[in-house]
């Protein structure tokens, strides 16, 4: 389970739609985990990106969150939120 989602707000991700992505994810998780705006995650050519922080503090990055559909898939498949 994910305790936090960090949405990159670096310049490349921002120009690819990171701000609306952050708002979409906040609405979709509906308080089930923290959603944070974050600095560059270092995968600028594949953004917007989000880093998932699991309850055991392991992290992994999900790339190419360019659509609402991709954000929903990330939340249901990777973050295990429904």
N, C-alpha and C. Protein backbone atom coordinates (compact mmCIF):
# COMPACT_ATOMS: atom_id res chain seq x y z
N UNK A 1 0.84 -1.18 0.00
CA UNK A 1 0.00 0.00 0.00
C UNK A 1 0.89 1.24 0.00
N UNK A 2 0.40 2.29 -0.61
CA UNK A 2 1.16 3.54 -0.73
C UNK A 2 0.73 4.51 0.36
N UNK A 3 1.72 5.13 1.00
CA UNK A 3 1.39 6.14 2.01
C UNK A 3 1.51 7.55 1.47
N UNK A 4 2.25 7.70 0.34
CA UNK A 4 2.45 9.04 -0.20
C UNK A 4 2.72 8.96 -1.70
N UNK A 5 2.23 9.98 -2.43
CA UNK A 5 2.52 10.12 -3.85
C UNK A 5 3.12 11.50 -4.06
N UNK A 6 4.33 11.52 -4.61
CA UNK A 6 5.05 12.77 -4.87
C UNK A 6 5.00 13.04 -6.36
N UNK A 7 4.37 14.12 -6.73
CA UNK A 7 4.21 14.46 -8.16
C UNK A 7 5.25 15.50 -8.53
N UNK A 8 6.10 15.13 -9.48
CA UNK A 8 7.17 16.03 -9.92
C UNK A 8 6.59 17.33 -10.46
N UNK A 9 7.18 18.44 -10.01
CA UNK A 9 6.78 19.75 -10.50
C UNK A 9 7.97 20.47 -11.14
N UNK A 10 8.99 19.69 -11.53
CA UNK A 10 10.13 20.26 -12.25
C UNK A 10 9.68 20.87 -13.56
N UNK A 11 10.56 21.62 -14.19
CA UNK A 11 10.14 22.38 -15.37
C UNK A 11 9.66 21.48 -16.52
N UNK A 12 10.32 20.37 -16.79
CA UNK A 12 9.87 19.49 -17.89
C UNK A 12 8.52 18.87 -17.58
N UNK A 13 8.35 18.39 -16.35
CA UNK A 13 7.06 17.79 -15.98
C UNK A 13 5.96 18.84 -15.92
N UNK A 14 6.30 20.02 -15.44
CA UNK A 14 5.31 21.10 -15.40
C UNK A 14 4.81 21.45 -16.79
N UNK A 15 5.72 21.53 -17.73
CA UNK A 15 5.30 21.86 -19.10
C UNK A 15 4.53 20.71 -19.75
N UNK A 16 4.64 19.50 -19.18
CA UNK A 16 3.90 18.35 -19.71
C UNK A 16 2.58 18.11 -18.97
N UNK A 17 2.23 19.01 -18.03
CA UNK A 17 0.93 18.91 -17.39
C UNK A 17 0.93 18.42 -15.95
N UNK A 18 2.02 18.63 -15.22
CA UNK A 18 2.12 18.13 -13.85
C UNK A 18 1.14 18.80 -12.87
N UNK A 19 0.84 20.08 -13.07
CA UNK A 19 -0.07 20.76 -12.14
C UNK A 19 -1.48 20.17 -12.18
N UNK A 20 -2.09 20.00 -13.37
CA UNK A 20 -3.40 19.37 -13.39
C UNK A 20 -3.35 17.91 -12.93
N UNK A 21 -2.23 17.23 -13.21
CA UNK A 21 -2.07 15.85 -12.75
C UNK A 21 -2.11 15.78 -11.23
N UNK A 22 -1.44 16.70 -10.57
CA UNK A 22 -1.45 16.76 -9.11
C UNK A 22 -2.87 16.91 -8.58
N UNK A 23 -3.63 17.80 -9.16
CA UNK A 23 -5.02 18.01 -8.74
C UNK A 23 -5.88 16.76 -8.99
N UNK A 24 -5.69 16.13 -10.15
CA UNK A 24 -6.44 14.90 -10.45
C UNK A 24 -6.14 13.81 -9.43
N UNK A 25 -4.87 13.63 -9.12
CA UNK A 25 -4.49 12.58 -8.17
C UNK A 25 -5.05 12.89 -6.78
N UNK A 26 -4.98 14.16 -6.37
CA UNK A 26 -5.55 14.53 -5.07
C UNK A 26 -7.03 14.16 -4.99
N UNK A 27 -7.76 14.45 -6.04
CA UNK A 27 -9.19 14.12 -6.06
C UNK A 27 -9.42 12.61 -6.09
N UNK A 28 -8.63 11.91 -6.86
CA UNK A 28 -8.81 10.47 -6.99
C UNK A 28 -8.49 9.70 -5.70
N UNK A 29 -7.46 10.11 -4.97
CA UNK A 29 -7.10 9.36 -3.75
C UNK A 29 -8.05 9.67 -2.60
N UNK A 30 -8.72 10.81 -2.68
CA UNK A 30 -9.75 11.16 -1.71
C UNK A 30 -9.29 10.97 -0.26
N UNK A 31 -8.06 11.42 0.03
CA UNK A 31 -7.55 11.36 1.39
C UNK A 31 -6.98 10.02 1.84
N UNK A 32 -6.92 9.03 0.96
CA UNK A 32 -6.42 7.71 1.33
C UNK A 32 -4.90 7.67 1.46
N UNK A 33 -4.21 8.67 0.93
CA UNK A 33 -2.76 8.80 1.11
C UNK A 33 -2.39 10.27 0.88
N UNK A 34 -1.19 10.63 1.27
CA UNK A 34 -0.72 11.99 1.05
C UNK A 34 -0.34 12.18 -0.41
N UNK A 35 -0.63 13.35 -0.93
CA UNK A 35 -0.21 13.73 -2.28
C UNK A 35 0.57 15.02 -2.14
N UNK A 36 1.80 15.02 -2.66
CA UNK A 36 2.69 16.17 -2.48
C UNK A 36 3.23 16.65 -3.82
N UNK A 37 3.39 17.98 -3.95
CA UNK A 37 4.14 18.47 -5.10
C UNK A 37 5.61 18.32 -4.73
N UNK A 38 6.42 17.93 -5.71
CA UNK A 38 7.79 17.54 -5.44
C UNK A 38 8.71 18.13 -6.47
N UNK A 39 9.98 18.16 -6.18
CA UNK A 39 10.98 18.64 -7.12
C UNK A 39 11.26 17.59 -8.18
N UNK A 40 12.25 17.85 -8.98
CA UNK A 40 12.59 16.98 -10.10
C UNK A 40 12.93 15.57 -9.63
N UNK A 41 12.35 14.60 -10.31
CA UNK A 41 12.61 13.18 -10.02
C UNK A 41 13.66 12.59 -10.96
N UNK A 42 14.20 13.40 -11.85
CA UNK A 42 15.32 12.99 -12.68
C UNK A 42 14.98 12.18 -13.93
N UNK A 43 13.74 12.16 -14.29
CA UNK A 43 13.35 11.42 -15.51
C UNK A 43 12.59 12.36 -16.45
N UNK A 44 13.20 13.48 -16.70
CA UNK A 44 12.55 14.60 -17.38
C UNK A 44 11.97 14.27 -18.75
N UNK A 45 12.59 13.42 -19.50
CA UNK A 45 12.11 13.09 -20.83
C UNK A 45 10.92 12.15 -20.85
N UNK A 46 10.51 11.68 -19.67
CA UNK A 46 9.43 10.69 -19.61
C UNK A 46 8.26 11.16 -18.74
N UNK A 47 8.15 12.45 -18.51
CA UNK A 47 7.17 12.96 -17.57
C UNK A 47 5.84 13.31 -18.20
N UNK A 48 4.92 13.73 -17.37
CA UNK A 48 5.08 13.93 -15.93
C UNK A 48 5.23 12.60 -15.18
N UNK A 49 5.96 12.68 -14.07
CA UNK A 49 6.28 11.51 -13.27
C UNK A 49 5.78 11.68 -11.84
N UNK A 50 5.61 10.54 -11.18
CA UNK A 50 5.24 10.55 -9.77
C UNK A 50 6.04 9.47 -9.05
N UNK A 51 6.43 9.76 -7.84
CA UNK A 51 7.13 8.79 -7.01
C UNK A 51 6.16 8.27 -5.95
N UNK A 52 6.04 6.96 -5.87
CA UNK A 52 5.18 6.34 -4.88
C UNK A 52 6.03 5.90 -3.70
N UNK A 53 5.59 6.28 -2.50
CA UNK A 53 6.28 5.88 -1.27
C UNK A 53 5.39 4.88 -0.57
N UNK A 54 5.88 3.66 -0.45
CA UNK A 54 5.08 2.61 0.16
C UNK A 54 5.19 2.68 1.68
N UNK A 55 4.31 1.95 2.35
CA UNK A 55 4.30 1.96 3.82
C UNK A 55 5.62 1.50 4.42
N UNK A 56 6.36 0.65 3.71
CA UNK A 56 7.67 0.21 4.20
C UNK A 56 8.79 1.16 3.77
N UNK A 57 8.43 2.33 3.27
CA UNK A 57 9.33 3.40 2.84
C UNK A 57 10.08 3.12 1.55
N UNK A 58 9.82 2.01 0.87
CA UNK A 58 10.40 1.81 -0.44
C UNK A 58 9.72 2.76 -1.41
N UNK A 59 10.48 3.20 -2.41
CA UNK A 59 9.92 4.13 -3.39
C UNK A 59 10.14 3.60 -4.80
N UNK A 60 9.25 4.01 -5.70
CA UNK A 60 9.46 3.76 -7.11
C UNK A 60 8.75 4.84 -7.91
N UNK A 61 9.28 5.07 -9.10
CA UNK A 61 8.78 6.16 -9.94
C UNK A 61 7.91 5.60 -11.06
N UNK A 62 6.77 6.24 -11.26
CA UNK A 62 5.88 5.92 -12.37
C UNK A 62 6.02 7.05 -13.39
N UNK A 63 6.31 6.69 -14.61
CA UNK A 63 6.54 7.67 -15.67
C UNK A 63 5.34 7.79 -16.60
N UNK A 64 5.37 8.82 -17.41
CA UNK A 64 4.43 9.01 -18.52
C UNK A 64 2.98 9.12 -18.07
N UNK A 65 2.76 9.93 -17.06
CA UNK A 65 1.40 10.16 -16.56
C UNK A 65 0.78 11.32 -17.33
N UNK A 66 0.69 11.14 -18.64
CA UNK A 66 0.27 12.21 -19.54
C UNK A 66 -1.23 12.32 -19.72
N UNK A 67 -1.99 11.39 -19.14
CA UNK A 67 -3.44 11.46 -19.30
C UNK A 67 -4.13 11.05 -18.00
N UNK A 68 -5.37 11.43 -17.90
CA UNK A 68 -6.18 11.04 -16.75
C UNK A 68 -6.25 9.52 -16.66
N UNK A 69 -6.36 8.87 -17.80
CA UNK A 69 -6.42 7.41 -17.85
C UNK A 69 -5.15 6.79 -17.25
N UNK A 70 -4.00 7.35 -17.58
CA UNK A 70 -2.73 6.85 -17.02
C UNK A 70 -2.68 7.07 -15.51
N UNK A 71 -3.20 8.18 -15.04
CA UNK A 71 -3.21 8.45 -13.59
C UNK A 71 -4.10 7.45 -12.86
N UNK A 72 -5.26 7.16 -13.42
CA UNK A 72 -6.16 6.18 -12.81
C UNK A 72 -5.50 4.80 -12.78
N UNK A 73 -4.86 4.42 -13.88
CA UNK A 73 -4.18 3.13 -13.94
C UNK A 73 -3.07 3.06 -12.90
N UNK A 74 -2.32 4.13 -12.73
CA UNK A 74 -1.25 4.16 -11.73
C UNK A 74 -1.83 3.96 -10.34
N UNK A 75 -2.94 4.60 -10.06
CA UNK A 75 -3.53 4.51 -8.71
C UNK A 75 -4.12 3.13 -8.44
N UNK A 76 -4.70 2.51 -9.43
CA UNK A 76 -5.32 1.19 -9.20
C UNK A 76 -4.29 0.06 -9.28
N UNK A 77 -3.34 0.15 -10.21
CA UNK A 77 -2.40 -0.94 -10.40
C UNK A 77 -1.17 -0.81 -9.51
N UNK A 78 -0.58 0.36 -9.47
CA UNK A 78 0.68 0.55 -8.74
C UNK A 78 0.46 0.91 -7.28
N UNK A 79 -0.46 1.84 -7.04
CA UNK A 79 -0.69 2.30 -5.67
C UNK A 79 -1.71 1.47 -4.92
N UNK A 80 -2.40 0.60 -5.64
CA UNK A 80 -3.41 -0.29 -5.04
C UNK A 80 -4.53 0.48 -4.35
N UNK A 81 -4.91 1.60 -4.94
CA UNK A 81 -6.04 2.39 -4.45
C UNK A 81 -7.18 2.21 -5.43
N UNK A 82 -8.38 2.13 -4.92
CA UNK A 82 -9.53 1.97 -5.80
C UNK A 82 -10.51 3.10 -5.61
